[in-house]
């Protein structure tokens, strides 16, 4: 019985960690369990979770994408300018998603066909498209986007915040693709052993390119959500978001070398980060100490994963 319990805890350690964290914070600050605060946590988590789901596809292949924060910023800036000039919300969203997908495609092609390391490629595009955002916006936020756009990030459907609805939809699609489709199986095969996957007839370049397209599109969607919530597109939007997304994937148990993990774990990882941030804010912990605590939590999670293996 004890062995089975221990095995269950090890298997679902991310979920156990989330539950323990929630219990501890609720004892320290009972406000944590209020309905309004829970909705706030889920809304805050949704932005990171959507990016992290796309990041999961990349990391499952053994890659990394450092450019998601810059993709978020440039996609949001273009969408904001379209809304301000035309008022066409649908066109703005489609263009933003297309920009994210195209940048992801550029990343994927350079990595798969150019045989350049993902870290180097996405570091370069992170810098490039952050600069493009500053040039496009002249370094100033684009505001005055209207009530209809603002409703995306601030309204509710049946009492559920719209950003949370987006998060659930993206999670559902990603879960289905990874667990029920041939493409999902190919992603795991590529991450497990790229040479074996190629020899078995899998078009590894195509699979690798497409995961970056997906990651770029999810980053752009998060850009729409962030911009809608704050009512303006800032050239500084998304700075550091790539680190939170990677942290969510790692905390969820996905291996950084690829081939192992799930989007269920990624969502749990994003919730852990969101709950930790919210709990520390409720306890009035200084942001400087918050960074230290979050870093320690992530390091311990990686060490626990390494020890398990």
Protein backbone atom coordinates (compact mmCIF):
# COMPACT_ATOMS: atom_id res chain seq x y z
CA UNK A 1 0.00 0.00 0.00
CA UNK A 2 2.80 2.40 0.92
CA UNK A 3 4.66 1.52 -2.28
CA UNK A 4 1.55 2.18 -4.39
CA UNK A 5 0.99 5.52 -2.66
CA UNK A 6 4.60 6.49 -3.22
CA UNK A 7 4.35 5.53 -6.89
CA UNK A 8 1.17 7.59 -7.27
CA UNK A 9 2.83 10.63 -5.70
CA UNK A 10 5.85 10.28 -8.00
CA UNK A 11 3.65 9.80 -11.08
CA UNK A 12 1.45 12.80 -10.33
CA UNK A 13 4.03 14.90 -8.50
CA UNK A 14 3.14 18.10 -10.38
CA UNK A 15 -0.52 17.82 -9.42
CA UNK A 16 0.40 16.90 -5.84
CA UNK A 17 2.72 19.91 -5.71
CA UNK A 18 -0.06 22.19 -6.96
CA UNK A 19 -2.53 20.89 -4.37
CA UNK A 20 -0.01 21.22 -1.53
CA UNK A 21 0.82 24.76 -2.66
CA UNK A 22 -2.88 25.71 -2.73
CA UNK A 23 -3.46 24.26 0.76
CA UNK A 24 -0.44 26.04 2.26
CA UNK A 25 -1.36 29.41 0.73
CA UNK A 26 -5.02 29.09 1.73
CA UNK A 27 -3.96 28.57 5.36
CA UNK A 28 -1.65 31.58 5.29
CA UNK A 29 -4.10 33.87 3.49
CA UNK A 30 -7.75 32.71 3.37
CA UNK A 31 -8.48 35.33 0.67
CA UNK A 32 -6.81 32.97 -1.76
CA UNK A 33 -9.90 30.72 -1.90
CA UNK A 34 -12.37 33.48 -2.73
CA UNK A 35 -14.21 33.04 -6.03
CA UNK A 36 -13.04 36.40 -7.33
CA UNK A 37 -9.40 35.59 -6.56
CA UNK A 38 -9.61 32.14 -8.17
CA UNK A 39 -11.03 33.74 -11.33
CA UNK A 40 -8.22 36.27 -11.21
CA UNK A 41 -5.60 33.53 -10.89
CA UNK A 42 -7.05 31.58 -13.81
CA UNK A 43 -7.18 34.70 -15.96
CA UNK A 44 -3.57 35.55 -15.17
CA UNK A 45 -2.52 31.95 -15.79
CA UNK A 46 -4.28 31.80 -19.17
CA UNK A 47 -1.72 34.03 -20.90
CA UNK A 48 1.27 31.94 -19.82
CA UNK A 49 -0.62 28.67 -20.29
CA UNK A 50 -1.49 29.40 -23.92
CA UNK A 51 2.16 30.19 -24.73
CA UNK A 52 3.33 27.20 -22.69
CA UNK A 53 1.09 24.82 -24.61
CA UNK A 54 2.78 25.92 -27.84
CA UNK A 55 6.16 25.69 -26.11
CA UNK A 56 5.33 22.10 -25.13
CA UNK A 57 5.19 21.09 -28.80
CA UNK A 58 8.64 22.58 -29.35
CA UNK A 59 10.24 21.11 -26.24
CA UNK A 60 8.76 17.68 -26.90
CA UNK A 61 10.85 17.61 -30.09
CA UNK A 62 13.95 18.56 -28.09
CA UNK A 63 13.87 22.20 -29.21
CA UNK A 64 13.41 25.56 -27.50
CA UNK A 65 11.81 28.86 -28.51
CA UNK A 66 13.12 32.04 -26.89
CA UNK A 67 11.32 34.32 -29.34
CA UNK A 68 7.74 33.92 -28.05
CA UNK A 69 7.83 37.15 -26.03
CA UNK A 70 8.88 39.16 -29.07
CA UNK A 71 6.33 37.36 -31.26
CA UNK A 72 3.68 38.32 -28.72
CA UNK A 73 4.75 41.97 -28.83
CA UNK A 74 4.98 42.43 -32.59
CA UNK A 75 1.74 40.50 -33.27
CA UNK A 76 -0.13 42.55 -30.68
CA UNK A 77 1.27 45.84 -32.01
CA UNK A 78 0.16 45.09 -35.56
CA UNK A 79 -3.27 43.92 -34.37
CA UNK A 80 -3.67 47.08 -32.28
CA UNK A 81 -2.79 49.33 -35.21
CA UNK A 82 -5.31 47.52 -37.44
CA UNK A 83 -8.05 47.90 -34.84
CA UNK A 84 -7.24 51.56 -34.34
CA UNK A 85 -7.23 52.34 -38.07
CA UNK A 86 -10.06 50.09 -39.32
CA UNK A 87 -11.99 48.91 -36.26
CA UNK A 88 -12.02 45.41 -37.79
CA UNK A 89 -11.49 43.07 -34.83
CA UNK A 90 -11.67 39.87 -36.88
CA UNK A 91 -9.05 41.08 -39.37
CA UNK A 92 -6.74 42.16 -36.54
CA UNK A 93 -6.87 38.75 -34.86
CA UNK A 94 -6.32 36.84 -38.14
CA UNK A 95 -3.34 39.03 -39.07
CA UNK A 96 -1.83 38.68 -35.58
CA UNK A 97 -2.11 34.89 -35.69
CA UNK A 98 -0.65 34.87 -39.21
CA UNK A 99 2.32 36.97 -38.09
CA UNK A 100 2.97 34.60 -35.20
CA UNK A 101 2.75 31.58 -37.50
CA UNK A 102 5.05 33.14 -40.11
CA UNK A 103 7.72 34.00 -37.56
CA UNK A 104 7.40 30.48 -36.20
CA UNK A 105 7.81 29.18 -39.75
CA UNK A 106 11.00 31.23 -40.15
CA UNK A 107 12.32 29.78 -36.90
CA UNK A 108 11.40 26.27 -37.97
CA UNK A 109 12.96 26.51 -41.43
CA UNK A 110 16.22 27.92 -40.08
CA UNK A 111 16.37 25.14 -37.50
CA UNK A 112 15.26 22.20 -39.64
CA UNK A 113 16.70 23.12 -43.05
CA UNK A 114 19.51 25.42 -41.95
CA UNK A 115 20.63 22.96 -39.27
CA UNK A 116 21.19 25.82 -36.82
CA UNK A 117 20.64 25.21 -33.10
CA UNK A 118 17.19 26.25 -31.89
CA UNK A 119 18.66 28.26 -29.04
CA UNK A 120 20.71 30.42 -31.43
CA UNK A 121 17.94 30.88 -34.01
CA UNK A 122 15.25 31.86 -31.55
CA UNK A 123 17.62 34.06 -29.54
CA UNK A 124 18.36 35.96 -32.76
CA UNK A 125 14.70 36.27 -33.77
CA UNK A 126 13.83 37.33 -30.23
CA UNK A 127 16.20 40.27 -30.59
CA UNK A 128 15.21 41.02 -34.19
CA UNK A 129 11.46 41.12 -33.66
CA UNK A 130 11.73 43.04 -30.40
CA UNK A 131 13.58 45.65 -32.44
CA UNK A 132 10.93 45.45 -35.18
CA UNK A 133 8.27 46.13 -32.54
CA UNK A 134 10.09 49.23 -31.29
CA UNK A 135 10.47 50.51 -34.86
CA UNK A 136 6.82 49.79 -35.70
CA UNK A 137 5.48 51.53 -32.58
CA UNK A 138 8.16 54.23 -32.35
CA UNK A 139 8.71 52.96 -28.83
CA UNK A 140 5.28 54.09 -27.61
CA UNK A 141 2.17 52.05 -26.68
CA UNK A 142 -0.75 51.88 -29.11
CA UNK A 143 -3.94 52.60 -27.17
CA UNK A 144 -7.56 53.61 -27.76
CA UNK A 145 -8.58 50.18 -29.04
CA UNK A 146 -12.27 50.28 -28.19
CA UNK A 147 -14.66 48.40 -25.95
CA UNK A 148 -15.26 45.42 -28.25
CA UNK A 149 -11.57 44.52 -28.26
CA UNK A 150 -11.31 45.08 -24.52
CA UNK A 151 -14.10 42.57 -23.94
CA UNK A 152 -11.84 39.70 -25.11
CA UNK A 153 -9.62 40.02 -22.06
CA UNK A 154 -12.07 41.37 -19.51
CA UNK A 155 -15.54 39.92 -20.10
CA UNK A 156 -16.99 36.56 -19.08
CA UNK A 157 -18.99 33.79 -20.72
CA UNK A 158 -21.36 32.04 -18.29
CA UNK A 159 -19.29 33.41 -15.42
CA UNK A 160 -16.01 32.19 -16.88
CA UNK A 161 -13.41 34.79 -18.01
CA UNK A 162 -12.96 34.72 -21.80
CA UNK A 163 -9.15 34.27 -21.53
CA UNK A 164 -9.80 31.10 -19.52
CA UNK A 165 -12.14 29.87 -22.25
CA UNK A 166 -9.35 30.41 -24.79
CA UNK A 167 -6.95 28.50 -22.53
CA UNK A 168 -9.30 25.53 -22.24
CA UNK A 169 -9.91 25.43 -26.01
CA UNK A 170 -6.20 25.56 -26.84
CA UNK A 171 -5.49 22.91 -24.22
CA UNK A 172 -8.23 20.65 -25.62
CA UNK A 173 -6.93 20.95 -29.19
CA UNK A 174 -3.32 20.35 -28.12
CA UNK A 175 -4.26 17.36 -25.96
CA UNK A 176 -6.16 15.78 -28.85
CA UNK A 177 -3.36 16.39 -31.35
CA UNK A 178 -0.64 14.98 -29.10
CA UNK A 179 -2.58 11.97 -27.83
CA UNK A 180 -4.87 11.00 -30.69
CA UNK A 181 -3.19 11.89 -33.98
CA UNK A 182 -0.33 10.56 -36.09
CA UNK A 183 1.32 13.99 -35.97
CA UNK A 184 1.35 13.82 -32.17
CA UNK A 185 3.03 10.42 -32.25
CA UNK A 186 5.61 11.77 -34.68
CA UNK A 187 6.41 14.64 -32.31
CA UNK A 188 7.19 12.19 -29.50
CA UNK A 189 9.19 9.99 -31.87
CA UNK A 190 11.22 12.97 -33.07
CA UNK A 191 11.94 14.04 -29.50
CA UNK A 192 12.83 10.53 -28.45
CA UNK A 193 15.36 9.91 -31.21
CA UNK A 194 15.51 12.10 -34.30
CA UNK A 195 17.75 9.75 -36.29
CA UNK A 196 15.49 6.76 -35.65
CA UNK A 197 12.43 8.83 -36.53
CA UNK A 198 14.02 9.89 -39.83
CA UNK A 199 15.07 6.34 -40.68
CA UNK A 200 11.53 5.11 -40.02
CA UNK A 201 10.23 7.39 -42.76
CA UNK A 202 9.05 10.39 -40.73
CA UNK A 203 9.57 13.78 -42.39
CA UNK A 204 11.38 15.20 -39.39
CA UNK A 205 12.03 18.59 -41.01
CA UNK A 206 8.31 19.09 -41.62
CA UNK A 207 7.37 18.01 -38.09
CA UNK A 208 10.04 20.24 -36.56
CA UNK A 209 9.02 23.28 -38.63
CA UNK A 210 5.34 22.89 -37.80
CA UNK A 211 5.89 22.84 -34.02
CA UNK A 212 7.49 26.28 -34.26
CA UNK A 213 4.56 27.50 -36.36
CA UNK A 214 2.20 26.29 -33.61
CA UNK A 215 4.33 27.94 -30.93
CA UNK A 216 4.36 31.23 -32.83
CA UNK A 217 0.59 31.18 -33.28
CA UNK A 218 -0.06 30.53 -29.58
CA UNK A 219 2.30 33.37 -28.66
CA UNK A 220 0.34 35.68 -30.97
CA UNK A 221 -2.95 34.59 -29.38
CA UNK A 222 -1.52 35.41 -25.96
CA UNK A 223 -0.55 38.80 -27.36
CA UNK A 224 -4.20 39.44 -28.27
CA UNK A 225 -5.30 38.46 -24.75
CA UNK A 226 -2.66 40.62 -23.00
CA UNK A 227 -3.34 43.65 -25.18
CA UNK A 228 -7.09 43.32 -24.69
CA UNK A 229 -6.70 43.09 -20.92
CA UNK A 230 -4.57 46.22 -20.52
CA UNK A 231 -6.15 48.18 -23.37
CA UNK A 232 -2.93 48.97 -25.23
CA UNK A 233 -0.10 47.31 -27.15
CA UNK A 234 3.24 48.07 -25.53
CA UNK A 235 6.59 47.48 -27.29
CA UNK A 236 7.77 46.01 -23.98
CA UNK A 237 4.94 43.45 -23.87
CA UNK A 238 6.00 39.86 -23.40
CA UNK A 239 9.46 40.53 -21.97
CA UNK A 240 10.44 37.46 -19.95
CA UNK A 241 7.33 35.50 -21.00
CA UNK A 242 9.49 32.88 -22.69
CA UNK A 243 11.04 32.03 -19.32
CA UNK A 244 7.66 31.60 -17.63
CA UNK A 245 6.47 29.40 -20.50
CA UNK A 246 9.56 27.20 -20.35
CA UNK A 247 9.23 27.03 -16.56
CA UNK A 248 5.60 25.90 -16.85
CA UNK A 249 6.59 23.13 -19.27
CA UNK A 250 9.44 21.96 -17.02
CA UNK A 251 7.35 22.10 -13.85
CA UNK A 252 4.75 20.00 -15.67
CA UNK A 253 7.28 17.19 -16.08
CA UNK A 254 8.20 17.57 -19.76
CA UNK A 255 11.79 16.62 -20.46
CA UNK A 256 13.97 19.38 -21.93
CA UNK A 257 15.69 16.80 -24.14
CA UNK A 258 12.36 15.88 -25.71
CA UNK A 259 10.19 12.81 -26.16
CA UNK A 260 8.51 12.84 -22.75
CA UNK A 261 5.76 14.98 -21.27
CA UNK A 262 2.20 16.19 -21.85
CA UNK A 263 0.15 19.36 -22.11
CA UNK A 264 -1.77 18.26 -19.01
CA UNK A 265 1.46 18.64 -17.07
CA UNK A 266 2.12 21.96 -18.78
CA UNK A 267 -1.22 23.39 -17.65
CA UNK A 268 -0.50 22.20 -14.12
CA UNK A 269 2.94 23.82 -14.32
CA UNK A 270 1.38 27.11 -15.44
CA UNK A 271 -1.08 26.88 -12.55
CA UNK A 272 1.76 26.31 -10.10
CA UNK A 273 3.50 29.48 -11.29
CA UNK A 274 0.23 31.45 -11.26
CA UNK A 275 -0.80 30.25 -7.80
CA UNK A 276 2.69 30.96 -6.44
CA UNK A 277 2.67 34.48 -7.90
CA UNK A 278 -0.81 35.17 -6.54
CA UNK A 279 -0.03 33.76 -3.10
CA UNK A 280 3.15 35.80 -2.78
CA UNK A 281 1.27 38.94 -3.84
CA UNK A 282 -1.47 38.29 -1.28
CA UNK A 283 1.22 37.88 1.37
CA UNK A 284 2.76 41.20 0.28
CA UNK A 285 6.11 39.59 -0.52
CA UNK A 286 8.49 41.94 -2.33
CA UNK A 287 8.77 41.31 -6.10
CA UNK A 288 12.54 40.95 -5.64
CA UNK A 289 12.05 38.05 -3.23
CA UNK A 290 9.34 36.62 -5.47
CA UNK A 291 11.88 36.16 -8.26
CA UNK A 292 14.22 34.33 -5.89
CA UNK A 293 11.46 32.04 -4.62
CA UNK A 294 10.20 31.23 -8.12
CA UNK A 295 13.73 30.43 -9.26
CA UNK A 296 14.27 28.09 -6.31
CA UNK A 297 10.95 26.30 -6.96
CA UNK A 298 11.87 25.73 -10.62
CA UNK A 299 15.36 24.52 -9.71
CA UNK A 300 13.97 22.06 -7.15
CA UNK A 301 11.48 20.75 -9.71
CA UNK A 302 14.25 20.10 -12.25
CA UNK A 303 16.43 18.46 -9.60
CA UNK A 304 13.54 16.19 -8.58
CA UNK A 305 13.03 15.18 -12.23
CA UNK A 306 16.75 14.48 -12.62
CA UNK A 307 16.80 12.37 -9.45
CA UNK A 308 13.83 10.34 -10.64
CA UNK A 309 15.72 9.42 -13.78
